[in-house]
Amino acid sequence: MAHHIGRSWDGPGHLEALCPCPKAPCGLIDRDNMSDACGQHPPENMKTIRTSHHLEDCPEIGRDVVVAMARTIKAREAVVKAADEWDGVYFSFELDDAIDDYRAAVEHEAAERIRNSERLHNYADDHMSDCNAAADEIDPDLEATR
């Protein structure tokens, strides 16, 4: 029986965001479709799997949050790298661009969390248009980031 698995607690997290495995619609990893380059999910790596569900129980929501999370983590790494290389004598356009990319990634992650919040969806369908409008205000260039 097929499973979606994850190493993070309570659903997909940074470990899934940074691994090379293809993501299931829920943001976890399909046990039958793992990357050979992954150091986290294949059983031969002997890592603890902390989250899982059967394929037929997949909520099919969450992948966008994991993709946004990976973008945020990579943008932060670029900021740290640019800061390490900056000697402080001149203005660093690379650092400025990296900070802007990091901010955009954080905003995108926040917007995706709003759009995909199960709690908000359970609250009331008539309020979801307000929530989606708020997410669109935070991240208006959604199509450009996918």
N, C-alpha and C. Protein backbone atom coordinates (compact mmCIF):
# COMPACT_ATOMS: atom_id res chain seq x y z
N MET A 1 0.84 -1.18 0.00
CA MET A 1 0.00 0.00 0.00
C MET A 1 0.88 1.24 0.00
N ALA A 2 0.57 2.21 -0.82
CA ALA A 2 1.37 3.43 -0.97
C ALA A 2 1.20 4.35 0.23
N HIS A 3 2.29 4.99 0.59
CA HIS A 3 2.32 5.94 1.70
C HIS A 3 3.01 7.23 1.27
N HIS A 4 2.60 8.33 1.90
CA HIS A 4 3.36 9.57 1.83
C HIS A 4 4.05 9.68 3.18
N ILE A 5 5.34 9.98 3.15
CA ILE A 5 6.13 9.99 4.38
C ILE A 5 6.88 11.31 4.54
N GLY A 6 7.24 11.58 5.80
CA GLY A 6 8.03 12.77 6.08
C GLY A 6 8.87 12.60 7.32
N ARG A 7 9.98 13.29 7.36
CA ARG A 7 10.87 13.25 8.51
C ARG A 7 10.54 14.33 9.52
N SER A 8 9.78 15.34 9.12
CA SER A 8 9.41 16.43 10.02
C SER A 8 8.19 16.02 10.85
N TRP A 9 8.06 16.63 12.01
CA TRP A 9 6.88 16.38 12.85
C TRP A 9 5.68 17.11 12.28
N ASP A 10 4.50 16.56 12.43
CA ASP A 10 3.23 17.22 12.07
C ASP A 10 3.16 17.68 10.62
N GLY A 11 3.55 16.83 9.71
CA GLY A 11 3.44 17.17 8.30
C GLY A 11 4.75 17.60 7.71
N PRO A 12 4.72 18.05 6.46
CA PRO A 12 5.97 18.41 5.79
C PRO A 12 6.64 19.61 6.43
N GLY A 13 7.97 19.60 6.43
CA GLY A 13 8.72 20.70 7.02
C GLY A 13 10.00 20.95 6.25
N HIS A 14 10.99 21.53 6.94
CA HIS A 14 12.22 21.92 6.26
C HIS A 14 12.98 20.73 5.68
N LEU A 15 12.88 19.55 6.31
CA LEU A 15 13.59 18.38 5.77
C LEU A 15 13.01 17.98 4.41
N GLU A 16 11.71 18.05 4.28
CA GLU A 16 11.08 17.75 2.99
C GLU A 16 11.35 18.88 1.99
N ALA A 17 11.35 20.11 2.48
CA ALA A 17 11.56 21.26 1.59
C ALA A 17 12.93 21.20 0.93
N LEU A 18 13.94 20.74 1.66
CA LEU A 18 15.31 20.76 1.15
C LEU A 18 15.74 19.47 0.46
N CYS A 19 14.94 18.41 0.53
CA CYS A 19 15.37 17.16 -0.09
C CYS A 19 15.04 17.16 -1.59
N PRO A 20 15.76 16.36 -2.37
CA PRO A 20 15.56 16.34 -3.82
C PRO A 20 14.39 15.47 -4.28
N CYS A 21 13.70 14.81 -3.37
CA CYS A 21 12.58 13.95 -3.76
C CYS A 21 11.43 14.76 -4.33
N PRO A 22 10.72 14.22 -5.33
CA PRO A 22 9.49 14.87 -5.80
C PRO A 22 8.48 14.93 -4.65
N LYS A 23 7.75 16.01 -4.57
CA LYS A 23 6.78 16.20 -3.50
C LYS A 23 5.40 15.72 -3.93
N ALA A 24 4.72 15.04 -3.00
CA ALA A 24 3.32 14.65 -3.22
C ALA A 24 2.46 15.91 -3.07
N PRO A 25 1.19 15.86 -3.46
CA PRO A 25 0.33 17.04 -3.33
C PRO A 25 0.24 17.59 -1.90
N CYS A 26 0.48 16.74 -0.91
CA CYS A 26 0.42 17.17 0.49
C CYS A 26 1.75 17.76 0.97
N GLY A 27 2.80 17.69 0.15
CA GLY A 27 4.11 18.19 0.53
C GLY A 27 5.03 17.14 1.11
N LEU A 28 4.49 15.96 1.40
CA LEU A 28 5.32 14.86 1.87
C LEU A 28 5.93 14.14 0.67
N ILE A 29 6.63 13.05 0.93
CA ILE A 29 7.32 12.31 -0.11
C ILE A 29 6.59 10.98 -0.34
N ASP A 30 6.34 10.67 -1.60
CA ASP A 30 5.72 9.39 -1.95
C ASP A 30 6.77 8.30 -1.75
N ARG A 31 6.47 7.34 -0.89
CA ARG A 31 7.42 6.27 -0.57
C ARG A 31 7.88 5.51 -1.82
N ASP A 32 7.02 5.45 -2.85
CA ASP A 32 7.35 4.73 -4.07
C ASP A 32 8.04 5.60 -5.12
N ASN A 33 8.34 6.86 -4.78
CA ASN A 33 8.92 7.79 -5.75
C ASN A 33 9.97 8.67 -5.08
N MET A 34 11.00 8.05 -4.50
CA MET A 34 12.06 8.80 -3.82
C MET A 34 13.26 8.98 -4.74
N SER A 35 14.00 10.05 -4.51
CA SER A 35 15.22 10.32 -5.26
C SER A 35 16.38 9.52 -4.68
N ASP A 36 17.22 8.99 -5.55
CA ASP A 36 18.42 8.28 -5.09
C ASP A 36 19.40 9.22 -4.39
N ALA A 37 19.29 10.52 -4.70
CA ALA A 37 20.20 11.51 -4.10
C ALA A 37 19.74 11.96 -2.72
N CYS A 38 18.58 11.54 -2.30
CA CYS A 38 18.04 11.97 -1.00
C CYS A 38 18.76 11.27 0.15
N GLY A 39 19.16 12.06 1.12
CA GLY A 39 19.80 11.51 2.31
C GLY A 39 18.86 11.38 3.49
N GLN A 40 17.59 11.68 3.28
CA GLN A 40 16.63 11.70 4.38
C GLN A 40 15.59 10.58 4.35
N HIS A 41 14.97 10.33 3.21
CA HIS A 41 13.77 9.50 3.16
C HIS A 41 13.96 8.02 2.81
N PRO A 42 14.91 7.65 1.96
CA PRO A 42 15.05 6.22 1.63
C PRO A 42 15.35 5.37 2.87
N PRO A 43 14.74 4.20 2.98
CA PRO A 43 14.93 3.35 4.16
C PRO A 43 16.38 2.97 4.42
N GLU A 44 17.19 2.86 3.38
CA GLU A 44 18.58 2.45 3.59
C GLU A 44 19.40 3.51 4.33
N ASN A 45 18.87 4.73 4.45
CA ASN A 45 19.58 5.78 5.21
C ASN A 45 19.29 5.71 6.70
N MET A 46 18.36 4.85 7.09
CA MET A 46 18.06 4.60 8.51
C MET A 46 17.65 5.86 9.28
N LYS A 47 16.89 6.74 8.64
CA LYS A 47 16.40 7.95 9.30
C LYS A 47 14.98 7.71 9.79
N THR A 48 14.62 8.33 10.89
CA THR A 48 13.29 8.17 11.47
C THR A 48 12.24 8.89 10.63
N ILE A 49 11.17 8.17 10.27
CA ILE A 49 10.03 8.77 9.58
C ILE A 49 9.02 9.15 10.66
N ARG A 50 8.68 10.44 10.73
CA ARG A 50 7.85 10.95 11.82
C ARG A 50 6.42 11.25 11.41
N THR A 51 6.18 11.34 10.12
CA THR A 51 4.85 11.67 9.62
C THR A 51 4.54 10.76 8.44
N SER A 52 3.32 10.25 8.38
CA SER A 52 2.93 9.48 7.20
C SER A 52 1.41 9.37 7.13
N HIS A 53 0.95 9.06 5.96
CA HIS A 53 -0.46 8.70 5.76
C HIS A 53 -0.56 7.88 4.48
N HIS A 54 -1.64 7.12 4.36
CA HIS A 54 -1.89 6.32 3.17
C HIS A 54 -2.26 7.24 2.02
N LEU A 55 -1.95 6.81 0.82
CA LEU A 55 -2.23 7.59 -0.38
C LEU A 55 -3.70 8.00 -0.43
N GLU A 56 -4.59 7.08 -0.11
CA GLU A 56 -6.03 7.40 -0.18
C GLU A 56 -6.48 8.38 0.90
N ASP A 57 -5.66 8.61 1.92
CA ASP A 57 -5.97 9.58 2.97
C ASP A 57 -5.28 10.93 2.77
N CYS A 58 -4.63 11.12 1.63
CA CYS A 58 -3.87 12.35 1.37
C CYS A 58 -4.81 13.56 1.32
N PRO A 59 -4.48 14.60 2.09
CA PRO A 59 -5.31 15.80 2.05
C PRO A 59 -5.13 16.60 0.76
N GLU A 60 -4.08 16.27 -0.01
CA GLU A 60 -3.79 16.91 -1.30
C GLU A 60 -3.66 18.42 -1.20
N ILE A 61 -3.17 18.89 -0.08
CA ILE A 61 -2.91 20.32 0.09
C ILE A 61 -1.68 20.45 0.96
N GLY A 62 -0.78 21.34 0.61
CA GLY A 62 0.42 21.55 1.39
C GLY A 62 1.69 21.62 0.57
N ARG A 63 1.65 21.12 -0.67
CA ARG A 63 2.85 21.15 -1.49
C ARG A 63 3.34 22.56 -1.73
N ASP A 64 2.44 23.50 -1.97
CA ASP A 64 2.84 24.89 -2.22
C ASP A 64 3.56 25.50 -1.03
N VAL A 65 3.14 25.12 0.19
CA VAL A 65 3.81 25.63 1.38
C VAL A 65 5.23 25.09 1.44
N VAL A 66 5.42 23.81 1.11
CA VAL A 66 6.76 23.20 1.15
C VAL A 66 7.65 23.84 0.09
N VAL A 67 7.12 24.10 -1.09
CA VAL A 67 7.89 24.76 -2.14
C VAL A 67 8.27 26.16 -1.69
N ALA A 68 7.34 26.88 -1.08
CA ALA A 68 7.63 28.22 -0.57
C ALA A 68 8.67 28.17 0.55
N MET A 69 8.57 27.16 1.40
CA MET A 69 9.52 26.99 2.49
C MET A 69 10.93 26.78 1.93
N ALA A 70 11.07 25.97 0.90
CA ALA A 70 12.38 25.74 0.28
C ALA A 70 12.93 27.04 -0.28
N ARG A 71 12.05 27.82 -0.89
CA ARG A 71 12.48 29.12 -1.46
C ARG A 71 12.97 30.04 -0.35
N THR A 72 12.28 30.06 0.78
CA THR A 72 12.68 30.90 1.91
C THR A 72 14.04 30.46 2.45
N ILE A 73 14.23 29.18 2.61
CA ILE A 73 15.50 28.66 3.15
C ILE A 73 16.65 29.00 2.20
N LYS A 74 16.45 28.81 0.90
CA LYS A 74 17.50 29.11 -0.07
C LYS A 74 17.81 30.61 -0.13
N ALA A 75 16.78 31.44 -0.03
CA ALA A 75 16.99 32.89 -0.03
C ALA A 75 17.76 33.32 1.21
N ARG A 76 17.46 32.73 2.36
CA ARG A 76 18.18 33.05 3.58
C ARG A 76 19.65 32.66 3.44
N GLU A 77 19.92 31.50 2.87
CA GLU A 77 21.31 31.07 2.65
C GLU A 77 22.05 32.06 1.76
N ALA A 78 21.36 32.61 0.76
CA ALA A 78 21.98 33.60 -0.12
C ALA A 78 22.32 34.88 0.65
N VAL A 79 21.44 35.29 1.57
CA VAL A 79 21.70 36.47 2.40
C VAL A 79 22.94 36.24 3.26
N VAL A 80 23.01 35.09 3.90
CA VAL A 80 24.16 34.79 4.76
C VAL A 80 25.44 34.73 3.94
N LYS A 81 25.40 34.12 2.77
CA LYS A 81 26.58 34.04 1.92
C LYS A 81 27.03 35.42 1.47
N ALA A 82 26.09 36.26 1.06
CA ALA A 82 26.44 37.62 0.62
C ALA A 82 27.01 38.43 1.78
N ALA A 83 26.46 38.28 2.97
CA ALA A 83 26.97 39.01 4.13
C ALA A 83 28.38 38.55 4.49
N ASP A 84 28.65 37.27 4.37
CA ASP A 84 29.98 36.75 4.67
C ASP A 84 31.03 37.29 3.70
N GLU A 85 30.63 37.53 2.45
CA GLU A 85 31.57 37.99 1.44
C GLU A 85 31.72 39.51 1.43
N TRP A 86 30.86 40.22 2.13
CA TRP A 86 30.88 41.69 2.11
C TRP A 86 31.95 42.19 3.06
N ASP A 87 32.79 43.08 2.59
CA ASP A 87 33.87 43.59 3.43
C ASP A 87 33.48 44.86 4.18
N GLY A 88 32.28 45.39 3.96
CA GLY A 88 31.79 46.55 4.70
C GLY A 88 32.31 47.88 4.20
N VAL A 89 33.12 47.88 3.16
CA VAL A 89 33.71 49.12 2.67
C VAL A 89 32.79 49.80 1.66
N TYR A 90 32.00 49.05 0.96
CA TYR A 90 31.14 49.61 -0.07
C TYR A 90 29.74 49.00 0.05
N PHE A 91 28.80 49.60 -0.63
CA PHE A 91 27.43 49.09 -0.64
C PHE A 91 27.38 47.82 -1.48
N SER A 92 26.75 46.79 -0.98
CA SER A 92 26.68 45.52 -1.68
C SER A 92 25.32 45.35 -2.35
N PHE A 93 25.32 45.44 -3.67
CA PHE A 93 24.08 45.20 -4.40
C PHE A 93 23.63 43.75 -4.25
N GLU A 94 24.59 42.82 -4.18
CA GLU A 94 24.25 41.40 -4.00
C GLU A 94 23.53 41.18 -2.67
N LEU A 95 24.02 41.82 -1.61
CA LEU A 95 23.37 41.69 -0.31
C LEU A 95 21.97 42.31 -0.34
N ASP A 96 21.85 43.46 -0.95
CA ASP A 96 20.55 44.12 -1.07
C ASP A 96 19.57 43.25 -1.84
N ASP A 97 20.01 42.66 -2.96
CA ASP A 97 19.15 41.77 -3.75
C ASP A 97 18.79 40.51 -2.97
N ALA A 98 19.76 39.96 -2.24
CA ALA A 98 19.50 38.75 -1.45
C ALA A 98 18.47 39.02 -0.36
N ILE A 99 18.56 40.17 0.28
CA ILE A 99 17.58 40.53 1.31
C ILE A 99 16.19 40.68 0.69
N ASP A 100 16.12 41.33 -0.47
CA ASP A 100 14.82 41.47 -1.16
C ASP A 100 14.24 40.11 -1.53
N ASP A 101 15.09 39.20 -2.01
CA ASP A 101 14.63 37.85 -2.34
C ASP A 101 14.15 37.12 -1.10
N TYR A 102 14.86 37.27 0.00
CA TYR A 102 14.45 36.63 1.25
C TYR A 102 13.09 37.16 1.71
N ARG A 103 12.92 38.48 1.67
CA ARG A 103 11.64 39.07 2.07
C ARG A 103 10.51 38.55 1.20
N ALA A 104 10.73 38.50 -0.11
CA ALA A 104 9.69 38.00 -1.02
C ALA A 104 9.37 36.53 -0.74
N ALA A 105 10.39 35.75 -0.43
CA ALA A 105 10.17 34.34 -0.13
C ALA A 105 9.37 34.16 1.15
N VAL A 106 9.68 34.95 2.17
CA VAL A 106 8.93 34.88 3.43
C VAL A 106 7.48 35.28 3.20
N GLU A 107 7.26 36.34 2.44
CA GLU A 107 5.89 36.76 2.14
C GLU A 107 5.15 35.69 1.36
N HIS A 108 5.84 35.05 0.42
CA HIS A 108 5.21 33.99 -0.36
C HIS A 108 4.82 32.82 0.55
N GLU A 109 5.73 32.44 1.45
CA GLU A 109 5.42 31.34 2.38
C GLU A 109 4.21 31.69 3.24
N ALA A 110 4.17 32.91 3.75
CA ALA A 110 3.04 33.33 4.58
C ALA A 110 1.74 33.28 3.79
N ALA A 111 1.77 33.77 2.57
CA ALA A 111 0.56 33.76 1.74
C ALA A 111 0.10 32.33 1.46
N GLU A 112 1.04 31.43 1.17
CA GLU A 112 0.67 30.04 0.92
C GLU A 112 0.09 29.39 2.17
N ARG A 113 0.61 29.72 3.33
CA ARG A 113 0.04 29.18 4.57
C ARG A 113 -1.40 29.65 4.76
N ILE A 114 -1.67 30.90 4.41
CA ILE A 114 -3.05 31.42 4.51
C ILE A 114 -3.93 30.70 3.50
N ARG A 115 -3.48 30.61 2.27
CA ARG A 115 -4.29 29.98 1.22
C ARG A 115 -4.59 28.51 1.52
N ASN A 116 -3.65 27.83 2.18
CA ASN A 116 -3.78 26.39 2.40
C ASN A 116 -4.14 26.01 3.82
N SER A 117 -4.55 26.96 4.62
CA SER A 117 -4.86 26.68 6.02
C SER A 117 -6.14 25.85 6.15
N GLU A 118 -6.00 24.65 6.68
CA GLU A 118 -7.17 23.80 6.91
C GLU A 118 -8.11 24.46 7.91
N ARG A 119 -7.53 25.11 8.91
CA ARG A 119 -8.34 25.78 9.93
C ARG A 119 -9.21 26.87 9.31
N LEU A 120 -8.62 27.66 8.39
CA LEU A 120 -9.40 28.70 7.72
C LEU A 120 -10.47 28.10 6.81
N HIS A 121 -10.12 27.02 6.12
CA HIS A 121 -11.10 26.37 5.25
C HIS A 121 -12.26 25.80 6.08
N ASN A 122 -11.97 25.31 7.28
CA ASN A 122 -13.01 24.76 8.14
C ASN A 122 -13.83 25.87 8.81
N TYR A 123 -13.26 27.06 8.91
CA TYR A 123 -13.94 28.17 9.58
C TYR A 123 -15.25 28.49 8.89
N ALA A 124 -15.17 28.82 7.62
CA ALA A 124 -16.38 29.08 6.83
C ALA A 124 -15.96 29.40 5.41
N ASP A 125 -16.62 28.76 4.47
CA ASP A 125 -16.27 28.98 3.08
C ASP A 125 -16.49 30.43 2.66
N ASP A 126 -17.49 31.09 3.26
CA ASP A 126 -17.77 32.47 2.85
C ASP A 126 -16.68 33.45 3.30
N HIS A 127 -15.80 33.05 4.22
CA HIS A 127 -14.70 33.90 4.64
C HIS A 127 -13.42 33.62 3.86
N MET A 128 -13.38 32.53 3.12
CA MET A 128 -12.15 32.18 2.40
C MET A 128 -11.81 33.21 1.33
N SER A 129 -12.81 33.84 0.73
CA SER A 129 -12.49 34.87 -0.27
C SER A 129 -11.75 36.03 0.38
N ASP A 130 -12.11 36.37 1.63
CA ASP A 130 -11.40 37.43 2.37
C ASP A 130 -9.97 36.98 2.68
N CYS A 131 -9.80 35.73 3.08
CA CYS A 131 -8.47 35.20 3.39
C CYS A 131 -7.61 35.14 2.14
N ASN A 132 -8.19 34.70 1.04
CA ASN A 132 -7.44 34.64 -0.22
C ASN A 132 -7.08 36.04 -0.71
N ALA A 133 -7.98 37.01 -0.48
CA ALA A 133 -7.67 38.40 -0.85
C ALA A 133 -6.51 38.92 -0.01
N ALA A 134 -6.48 38.56 1.27
CA ALA A 134 -5.37 38.97 2.13
C ALA A 134 -4.07 38.33 1.66
N ALA A 135 -4.13 37.04 1.30
CA ALA A 135 -2.94 36.36 0.80
C ALA A 135 -2.47 36.99 -0.50
N ASP A 136 -3.40 37.40 -1.37
CA ASP A 136 -3.04 38.06 -2.62
C ASP A 136 -2.38 39.42 -2.37
N GLU A 137 -2.79 40.10 -1.30
CA GLU A 137 -2.15 41.37 -0.94
C GLU A 137 -0.72 41.13 -0.48
N ILE A 138 -0.50 40.06 0.26
CA ILE A 138 0.84 39.73 0.74
C ILE A 138 1.74 39.30 -0.42
N ASP A 139 1.19 38.49 -1.33
CA ASP A 139 1.98 37.89 -2.41
C ASP A 139 1.23 38.03 -3.73
N PRO A 140 1.20 39.24 -4.32
CA PRO A 140 0.41 39.44 -5.54
C PRO A 140 0.97 38.74 -6.78
N ASP A 141 2.22 38.39 -6.77
CA ASP A 141 2.85 37.76 -7.94
C ASP A 141 2.90 36.26 -7.82
N LEU A 142 1.82 35.65 -7.35
CA LEU A 142 1.79 34.20 -7.12
C LEU A 142 2.16 33.42 -8.35
N GLU A 143 1.62 33.76 -9.50
CA GLU A 143 1.88 32.99 -10.72
C GLU A 143 3.36 33.04 -11.10
N ALA A 144 4.03 34.14 -10.80
CA ALA A 144 5.44 34.26 -11.15
C ALA A 144 6.33 33.40 -10.26
N THR A 145 5.81 32.98 -9.10
CA THR A 145 6.64 32.23 -8.15
C THR A 145 6.44 30.73 -8.27
N ARG A 146 5.51 30.27 -9.05
CA ARG A 146 5.26 28.83 -9.17
C ARG A 146 6.04 28.22 -10.29
